[in-house]
Amino acid sequence: MKSGNNADLRDLPIVRHHEMDGGPYIDMTVAMRDPDQGFYNASFHRTQYKEPQKLGIHLSPRHNWTILRKNEERNLPTPVAIIVSHHPAFYLGALNVAPFGVDDYELIGGIMNESSAADRLRDMGRSVSGAGGRGTDYRGRDATEGEGG
């Protein structure tokens, strides 16, 4: 896993899928943590390449959008993990349509038939959202500012 200054999106084969696209995209899983209840949501989103360490994320008004809005209302950044090249069962789990508040990492761990999968995913989320990792939120601010854990 690469994070912070070690991450460079140009290392990935990011392609333009259609001539009408505004740029190249990575269509992969985006994971966010709810700031109130602490559950994780993982779902597929288009992420457009902007700079070597910056992507734009297309969010529809669903679970990750709700998490973003909660943080935005508090003037806090929203840490995000973009998950590329994981086990295929992870991506099947990310396609779930569970209600808001269900921890997708628990659901995905069950699909992968690994009780430790949820803990490993949470560890990945913590490293991205503040325990030594650095990212930027959608406004370009340091995603570790104001992050409680």
Protein backbone atom coordinates (compact mmCIF):
# COMPACT_ATOMS: atom_id res chain seq x y z
CA MET A 1 0.00 0.00 0.00
CA LYS A 2 1.27 3.45 -0.90
CA SER A 3 0.11 6.60 0.83
CA GLY A 4 1.15 10.21 1.28
CA ASN A 5 4.13 11.41 -0.72
CA ASN A 6 4.94 7.81 -1.79
CA ALA A 7 1.70 7.55 -3.77
CA ASP A 8 1.80 8.58 -7.43
CA LEU A 9 -1.27 7.91 -9.53
CA ARG A 10 0.84 7.91 -12.69
CA ASP A 11 2.10 4.47 -11.56
CA LEU A 12 -1.36 3.08 -12.40
CA PRO A 13 -2.74 2.35 -15.87
CA ILE A 14 -5.40 5.07 -15.79
CA VAL A 15 -7.29 5.23 -19.06
CA ARG A 16 -9.83 7.41 -20.79
CA HIS A 17 -12.78 5.08 -21.33
CA HIS A 18 -14.66 7.17 -23.88
CA GLU A 19 -13.70 10.08 -26.10
CA MET A 20 -16.37 12.21 -24.37
CA ASP A 21 -14.86 11.65 -20.90
CA GLY A 22 -13.34 14.74 -19.31
CA GLY A 23 -10.15 12.81 -18.62
CA PRO A 24 -8.82 9.42 -17.55
CA TYR A 25 -10.69 7.55 -14.80
CA ILE A 26 -10.12 4.82 -12.25
CA ASP A 27 -13.47 3.10 -11.74
CA MET A 28 -12.86 1.36 -8.42
CA THR A 29 -14.08 1.13 -4.87
CA VAL A 30 -14.15 4.20 -2.65
CA ALA A 31 -14.30 3.64 1.12
CA MET A 32 -15.26 6.22 3.75
CA ARG A 33 -15.89 6.06 7.49
CA ASP A 34 -19.03 7.54 9.04
CA PRO A 35 -17.97 10.24 11.54
CA ASP A 36 -20.87 9.54 13.93
CA GLN A 37 -21.23 5.77 14.09
CA GLY A 38 -17.78 4.67 12.86
CA PHE A 39 -18.99 2.17 10.24
CA TYR A 40 -17.32 1.95 6.83
CA ASN A 41 -19.04 2.24 3.48
CA ALA A 42 -17.42 0.82 0.36
CA SER A 43 -18.92 1.32 -3.09
CA PHE A 44 -17.93 1.82 -6.70
CA HIS A 45 -17.42 5.35 -7.98
CA ARG A 46 -15.76 7.04 -10.92
CA THR A 47 -12.59 8.78 -9.84
CA GLN A 48 -11.06 11.13 -12.38
CA TYR A 49 -7.31 11.69 -12.51
CA LYS A 50 -6.44 15.32 -11.74
CA GLU A 51 -2.80 15.32 -10.55
CA PRO A 52 -0.22 12.73 -9.39
CA GLN A 53 -1.83 12.70 -5.91
CA LYS A 54 -5.31 14.02 -6.63
CA LEU A 55 -8.50 12.44 -7.95
CA GLY A 56 -11.99 13.85 -8.37
CA ILE A 57 -14.78 11.55 -7.12
CA HIS A 58 -18.26 11.42 -8.64
CA LEU A 59 -20.73 10.86 -5.78
CA SER A 60 -24.46 10.30 -6.13
CA PRO A 61 -26.72 11.07 -3.15
CA ARG A 62 -26.24 7.73 -1.43
CA HIS A 63 -24.14 6.47 1.48
CA ASN A 64 -20.70 7.96 0.75
CA TRP A 65 -22.37 11.22 -0.25
CA THR A 66 -24.13 11.26 3.14
CA ILE A 67 -20.82 10.72 4.93
CA LEU A 68 -19.24 13.53 2.92
CA ARG A 69 -22.12 15.89 3.76
CA LYS A 70 -21.85 15.11 7.50
CA ASN A 71 -18.18 16.11 7.46
CA GLU A 72 -18.84 19.10 5.23
CA GLU A 73 -21.50 20.43 7.64
CA ARG A 74 -18.85 20.30 10.40
CA ASN A 75 -16.24 21.90 8.13
CA LEU A 76 -14.12 18.73 8.39
CA PRO A 77 -12.27 16.92 5.61
CA THR A 78 -13.49 13.50 4.52
CA PRO A 79 -10.69 10.90 4.44
CA VAL A 80 -11.10 8.50 1.51
CA ALA A 81 -9.48 5.20 0.56
CA ILE A 82 -9.48 4.21 -3.12
CA ILE A 83 -9.12 0.42 -3.19
CA VAL A 84 -7.43 -1.01 -6.26
CA SER A 85 -6.36 -4.62 -6.89
CA HIS A 86 -8.03 -6.34 -3.93
CA HIS A 87 -9.46 -9.87 -3.74
CA PRO A 88 -12.43 -10.33 -6.15
CA ALA A 89 -14.74 -11.13 -3.22
CA PHE A 90 -14.02 -7.66 -1.83
CA TYR A 91 -15.46 -6.10 -4.96
CA LEU A 92 -18.52 -8.38 -4.85
CA GLY A 93 -19.09 -7.17 -1.30
CA ALA A 94 -18.72 -3.55 -2.38
CA LEU A 95 -21.71 -4.07 -4.71
CA ASN A 96 -24.04 -4.65 -1.74
CA VAL A 97 -27.17 -2.55 -1.24
CA ALA A 98 -27.35 -2.78 2.56
CA PRO A 99 -29.07 0.08 4.40
CA PHE A 100 -27.08 3.11 5.56
CA GLY A 101 -25.35 2.25 8.83
CA VAL A 102 -24.40 -1.34 7.96
CA ASP A 103 -20.62 -1.72 8.20
CA ASP A 104 -19.57 -2.79 4.71
CA TYR A 105 -16.22 -4.04 6.03
CA GLU A 106 -18.08 -6.56 8.21
CA LEU A 107 -20.27 -7.57 5.28
CA ILE A 108 -17.25 -7.91 2.97
CA GLY A 109 -15.34 -9.92 5.59
CA GLY A 110 -18.28 -12.34 5.72
CA ILE A 111 -18.34 -12.70 1.94
CA MET A 112 -14.58 -13.33 1.94
CA ASN A 113 -15.18 -15.94 4.70
CA GLU A 114 -12.44 -14.33 6.78
CA SER A 115 -13.22 -12.98 10.22
CA SER A 116 -9.94 -11.03 10.14
CA ALA A 117 -10.76 -9.32 6.81
CA ALA A 118 -12.81 -6.58 8.49
CA ASP A 119 -9.95 -5.81 10.91
CA ARG A 120 -7.41 -5.63 8.06
CA LEU A 121 -9.72 -3.31 6.15
CA ARG A 122 -10.14 -1.10 9.21
CA ASP A 123 -6.35 -0.98 9.65
CA MET A 124 -6.05 0.15 6.04
CA GLY A 125 -8.67 2.83 6.68
CA ARG A 126 -6.87 4.10 9.76
CA SER A 127 -3.57 4.36 7.91
CA VAL A 128 -5.26 6.37 5.16
CA SER A 129 -7.24 8.61 7.50
CA GLY A 130 -4.64 9.82 9.91
CA ALA A 131 -2.37 7.33 11.65
CA GLY A 132 0.69 8.26 9.66
CA GLY A 133 -0.94 8.34 6.23
CA ARG A 134 -1.71 11.57 4.40
CA GLY A 135 -4.41 12.29 1.93
CA THR A 136 -6.40 15.27 0.79
CA ASP A 137 -10.11 15.82 0.89
CA TYR A 138 -12.17 16.93 -2.08
CA ARG A 139 -11.32 20.58 -1.38
CA GLY A 140 -7.58 19.90 -1.42
CA ARG A 141 -7.12 20.27 2.35
CA ASP A 142 -4.99 17.90 4.39
CA ALA A 143 -7.33 15.03 5.23
CA THR A 144 -5.69 14.53 8.62
CA GLU A 145 -6.76 17.99 9.89
CA GLY A 146 -9.32 17.56 12.66
CA GLU A 147 -9.37 13.78 12.25
CA GLY A 148 -10.05 11.99 15.47
CA GLY A 149 -8.92 8.51 14.52
